[in-house]
Amino acid sequence: MPDQTRPPSGTATAVMAAILLGAVILAVIGTFLPGLVGLTGWPAVAMQLVVYAIAAIDVAIALWLRARIRKARSSHGGGTVRRQ
């Protein structure tokens, strides 16, 4: 039977880092996209604000997921199954 141990302790950090990296990439793309498409004025600003809002929501999701993973990890005692 395979060994059923808990996942590595860095899972919460790895998930958060991956989502934050995606948010940074999204913000960088949102910064340069209006200029690449040729938008100026209010439409360019609106596009940037929408992309920045999505990146901020992404960061909030990363923090929420990290908290949920840590809470789930702390609620389980040893992580092993004892049979009688």
N, C-alpha and C. Protein backbone atom coordinates (compact mmCIF):
# COMPACT_ATOMS: atom_id res chain seq x y z
N MET A 1 0.84 -1.17 0.00
CA MET A 1 0.00 0.00 0.00
C MET A 1 0.89 1.24 0.00
N PRO A 2 0.56 2.25 -0.79
CA PRO A 2 1.41 3.44 -0.85
C PRO A 2 1.39 4.20 0.47
N ASP A 3 2.48 4.88 0.71
CA ASP A 3 2.61 5.68 1.92
C ASP A 3 1.76 6.93 1.77
N GLN A 4 0.78 7.12 2.65
CA GLN A 4 -0.10 8.28 2.56
C GLN A 4 0.27 9.29 3.63
N THR A 5 1.29 10.06 3.33
CA THR A 5 1.73 11.09 4.26
C THR A 5 1.20 12.44 3.79
N ARG A 6 1.37 13.43 4.64
CA ARG A 6 0.92 14.77 4.29
C ARG A 6 1.78 15.34 3.17
N PRO A 7 1.22 16.26 2.38
CA PRO A 7 2.03 16.90 1.35
C PRO A 7 3.12 17.76 1.99
N PRO A 8 4.12 18.13 1.22
CA PRO A 8 5.20 18.95 1.78
C PRO A 8 4.66 20.24 2.38
N SER A 9 5.36 20.77 3.37
CA SER A 9 4.89 21.94 4.10
C SER A 9 4.93 23.22 3.26
N GLY A 10 5.61 23.21 2.15
CA GLY A 10 5.72 24.41 1.33
C GLY A 10 4.60 24.56 0.32
N THR A 11 3.56 23.75 0.43
CA THR A 11 2.48 23.79 -0.54
C THR A 11 1.79 25.14 -0.56
N ALA A 12 1.46 25.67 0.60
CA ALA A 12 0.77 26.96 0.67
C ALA A 12 1.63 28.07 0.07
N THR A 13 2.90 28.03 0.35
CA THR A 13 3.80 29.05 -0.18
C THR A 13 3.95 28.93 -1.68
N ALA A 14 4.03 27.70 -2.18
CA ALA A 14 4.19 27.49 -3.62
C ALA A 14 2.94 27.94 -4.38
N VAL A 15 1.77 27.63 -3.85
CA VAL A 15 0.53 28.06 -4.51
C VAL A 15 0.44 29.57 -4.51
N MET A 16 0.74 30.20 -3.39
CA MET A 16 0.67 31.65 -3.32
C MET A 16 1.69 32.30 -4.25
N ALA A 17 2.89 31.76 -4.31
CA ALA A 17 3.91 32.31 -5.19
C ALA A 17 3.50 32.21 -6.66
N ALA A 18 2.91 31.10 -7.05
CA ALA A 18 2.48 30.93 -8.44
C ALA A 18 1.37 31.91 -8.81
N ILE A 19 0.41 32.09 -7.91
CA ILE A 19 -0.67 33.02 -8.20
C ILE A 19 -0.17 34.46 -8.20
N LEU A 20 0.72 34.81 -7.28
CA LEU A 20 1.28 36.16 -7.27
C LEU A 20 2.11 36.44 -8.51
N LEU A 21 2.85 35.46 -8.98
CA LEU A 21 3.61 35.63 -10.22
C LEU A 21 2.67 35.89 -11.39
N GLY A 22 1.56 35.16 -11.43
CA GLY A 22 0.57 35.40 -12.47
C GLY A 22 -0.02 36.79 -12.38
N ALA A 23 -0.25 37.29 -11.17
CA ALA A 23 -0.79 38.64 -11.00
C ALA A 23 0.21 39.70 -11.46
N VAL A 24 1.48 39.48 -11.19
CA VAL A 24 2.51 40.43 -11.64
C VAL A 24 2.59 40.44 -13.16
N ILE A 25 2.58 39.27 -13.77
CA ILE A 25 2.62 39.20 -15.23
C ILE A 25 1.39 39.88 -15.83
N LEU A 26 0.24 39.67 -15.23
CA LEU A 26 -0.99 40.30 -15.70
C LEU A 26 -0.90 41.82 -15.59
N ALA A 27 -0.35 42.33 -14.49
CA ALA A 27 -0.20 43.78 -14.34
C ALA A 27 0.77 44.36 -15.36
N VAL A 28 1.84 43.63 -15.64
CA VAL A 28 2.81 44.12 -16.65
C VAL A 28 2.16 44.15 -18.03
N ILE A 29 1.43 43.10 -18.37
CA ILE A 29 0.74 43.07 -19.66
C ILE A 29 -0.27 44.21 -19.72
N GLY A 30 -1.01 44.44 -18.64
CA GLY A 30 -1.99 45.52 -18.61
C GLY A 30 -1.37 46.89 -18.74
N THR A 31 -0.13 47.04 -18.32
CA THR A 31 0.55 48.32 -18.44
C THR A 31 0.89 48.64 -19.89
N PHE A 32 1.35 47.63 -20.62
CA PHE A 32 1.83 47.87 -21.98
C PHE A 32 0.79 47.61 -23.06
N LEU A 33 -0.28 46.89 -22.75
CA LEU A 33 -1.26 46.51 -23.77
C LEU A 33 -1.95 47.69 -24.45
N PRO A 34 -2.41 48.71 -23.73
CA PRO A 34 -3.08 49.82 -24.44
C PRO A 34 -2.17 50.51 -25.46
N GLY A 35 -0.91 50.65 -25.14
CA GLY A 35 0.02 51.25 -26.09
C GLY A 35 0.26 50.37 -27.30
N LEU A 36 0.30 49.08 -27.10
CA LEU A 36 0.50 48.15 -28.21
C LEU A 36 -0.70 48.10 -29.13
N VAL A 37 -1.89 48.25 -28.56
CA VAL A 37 -3.11 48.19 -29.35
C VAL A 37 -3.40 49.55 -30.00
N GLY A 38 -2.80 50.60 -29.48
CA GLY A 38 -3.00 51.92 -30.06
C GLY A 38 -4.09 52.73 -29.37
N LEU A 39 -4.46 52.36 -28.16
CA LEU A 39 -5.48 53.11 -27.43
C LEU A 39 -4.84 54.30 -26.72
N THR A 40 -5.58 55.40 -26.68
CA THR A 40 -5.14 56.58 -25.95
C THR A 40 -6.33 57.15 -25.19
N GLY A 41 -6.04 58.01 -24.24
CA GLY A 41 -7.10 58.67 -23.51
C GLY A 41 -7.80 57.77 -22.52
N TRP A 42 -9.11 58.04 -22.35
CA TRP A 42 -9.89 57.32 -21.36
C TRP A 42 -9.97 55.81 -21.61
N PRO A 43 -10.15 55.35 -22.85
CA PRO A 43 -10.20 53.89 -23.04
C PRO A 43 -8.92 53.17 -22.58
N ALA A 44 -7.78 53.80 -22.77
CA ALA A 44 -6.52 53.20 -22.33
C ALA A 44 -6.46 53.13 -20.80
N VAL A 45 -6.88 54.19 -20.16
CA VAL A 45 -6.88 54.22 -18.70
C VAL A 45 -7.87 53.20 -18.14
N ALA A 46 -9.05 53.11 -18.76
CA ALA A 46 -10.06 52.16 -18.31
C ALA A 46 -9.55 50.72 -18.46
N MET A 47 -8.87 50.43 -19.57
CA MET A 47 -8.34 49.09 -19.76
C MET A 47 -7.30 48.77 -18.70
N GLN A 48 -6.43 49.72 -18.41
CA GLN A 48 -5.42 49.49 -17.38
C GLN A 48 -6.06 49.28 -16.01
N LEU A 49 -7.07 50.09 -15.68
CA LEU A 49 -7.73 49.94 -14.39
C LEU A 49 -8.41 48.58 -14.25
N VAL A 50 -9.03 48.10 -15.32
CA VAL A 50 -9.68 46.79 -15.27
C VAL A 50 -8.65 45.69 -15.06
N VAL A 51 -7.54 45.76 -15.77
CA VAL A 51 -6.51 44.73 -15.63
C VAL A 51 -5.88 44.79 -14.24
N TYR A 52 -5.66 46.00 -13.72
CA TYR A 52 -5.11 46.12 -12.36
C TYR A 52 -6.09 45.59 -11.32
N ALA A 53 -7.38 45.82 -11.52
CA ALA A 53 -8.38 45.29 -10.59
C ALA A 53 -8.37 43.76 -10.60
N ILE A 54 -8.25 43.19 -11.78
CA ILE A 54 -8.19 41.72 -11.88
C ILE A 54 -6.93 41.20 -11.19
N ALA A 55 -5.81 41.89 -11.34
CA ALA A 55 -4.58 41.47 -10.66
C ALA A 55 -4.73 41.59 -9.14
N ALA A 56 -5.41 42.63 -8.67
CA ALA A 56 -5.63 42.78 -7.22
C ALA A 56 -6.53 41.67 -6.69
N ILE A 57 -7.55 41.31 -7.46
CA ILE A 57 -8.41 40.20 -7.06
C ILE A 57 -7.61 38.90 -7.02
N ASP A 58 -6.69 38.74 -7.95
CA ASP A 58 -5.82 37.57 -7.98
C ASP A 58 -4.96 37.49 -6.70
N VAL A 59 -4.44 38.62 -6.26
CA VAL A 59 -3.64 38.66 -5.03
C VAL A 59 -4.51 38.29 -3.83
N ALA A 60 -5.75 38.82 -3.80
CA ALA A 60 -6.65 38.49 -2.69
C ALA A 60 -6.97 36.99 -2.67
N ILE A 61 -7.16 36.40 -3.83
CA ILE A 61 -7.42 34.97 -3.91
C ILE A 61 -6.20 34.18 -3.42
N ALA A 62 -5.00 34.64 -3.76
CA ALA A 62 -3.79 33.95 -3.31
C ALA A 62 -3.68 33.97 -1.79
N LEU A 63 -3.96 35.11 -1.18
CA LEU A 63 -3.89 35.21 0.27
C LEU A 63 -4.97 34.34 0.93
N TRP A 64 -6.18 34.32 0.34
CA TRP A 64 -7.26 33.52 0.88
C TRP A 64 -6.92 32.03 0.79
N LEU A 65 -6.39 31.61 -0.35
CA LEU A 65 -6.03 30.20 -0.51
C LEU A 65 -4.93 29.78 0.46
N ARG A 66 -3.95 30.66 0.66
CA ARG A 66 -2.88 30.33 1.59
C ARG A 66 -3.43 30.15 3.00
N ALA A 67 -4.35 31.03 3.39
CA ALA A 67 -4.96 30.91 4.71
C ALA A 67 -5.77 29.62 4.83
N ARG A 68 -6.52 29.28 3.79
CA ARG A 68 -7.31 28.05 3.82
C ARG A 68 -6.43 26.80 3.89
N ILE A 69 -5.33 26.79 3.14
CA ILE A 69 -4.43 25.64 3.16
C ILE A 69 -3.78 25.50 4.53
N ARG A 70 -3.34 26.61 5.10
CA ARG A 70 -2.72 26.55 6.42
C ARG A 70 -3.73 26.14 7.49
N LYS A 71 -4.96 26.62 7.37
CA LYS A 71 -5.99 26.23 8.34
C LYS A 71 -6.29 24.74 8.22
N ALA A 72 -6.39 24.25 7.00
CA ALA A 72 -6.66 22.82 6.80
C ALA A 72 -5.50 21.98 7.31
N ARG A 73 -4.29 22.45 7.12
CA ARG A 73 -3.12 21.70 7.58
C ARG A 73 -3.05 21.67 9.10
N SER A 74 -3.41 22.78 9.75
CA SER A 74 -3.30 22.82 11.21
C SER A 74 -4.45 22.07 11.88
N SER A 75 -5.57 21.89 11.19
CA SER A 75 -6.69 21.19 11.80
C SER A 75 -6.48 19.68 11.84
N HIS A 76 -5.60 19.18 11.00
CA HIS A 76 -5.30 17.75 11.02
C HIS A 76 -4.11 17.52 11.92
N GLY A 77 -4.29 16.64 12.88
CA GLY A 77 -3.24 16.40 13.89
C GLY A 77 -1.96 15.86 13.28
N GLY A 78 -1.79 14.55 13.33
CA GLY A 78 -0.56 13.96 12.85
C GLY A 78 -0.58 13.64 11.38
N GLY A 79 -1.76 13.54 10.81
CA GLY A 79 -1.85 13.23 9.41
C GLY A 79 -1.79 11.76 9.09
N THR A 80 -1.62 10.93 10.10
CA THR A 80 -1.54 9.49 9.86
C THR A 80 -2.85 8.83 10.26
N VAL A 81 -3.15 7.74 9.63
CA VAL A 81 -4.37 6.98 9.93
C VAL A 81 -3.97 5.82 10.84
N ARG A 82 -4.65 5.70 11.96
CA ARG A 82 -4.36 4.60 12.89
C ARG A 82 -5.48 3.57 12.79
N ARG A 83 -5.08 2.35 12.62
CA ARG A 83 -6.06 1.27 12.53
C ARG A 83 -6.03 0.45 13.81
N GLN A 84 -7.19 -0.05 14.16
CA GLN A 84 -7.26 -0.85 15.38
C GLN A 84 -7.22 -2.31 15.08
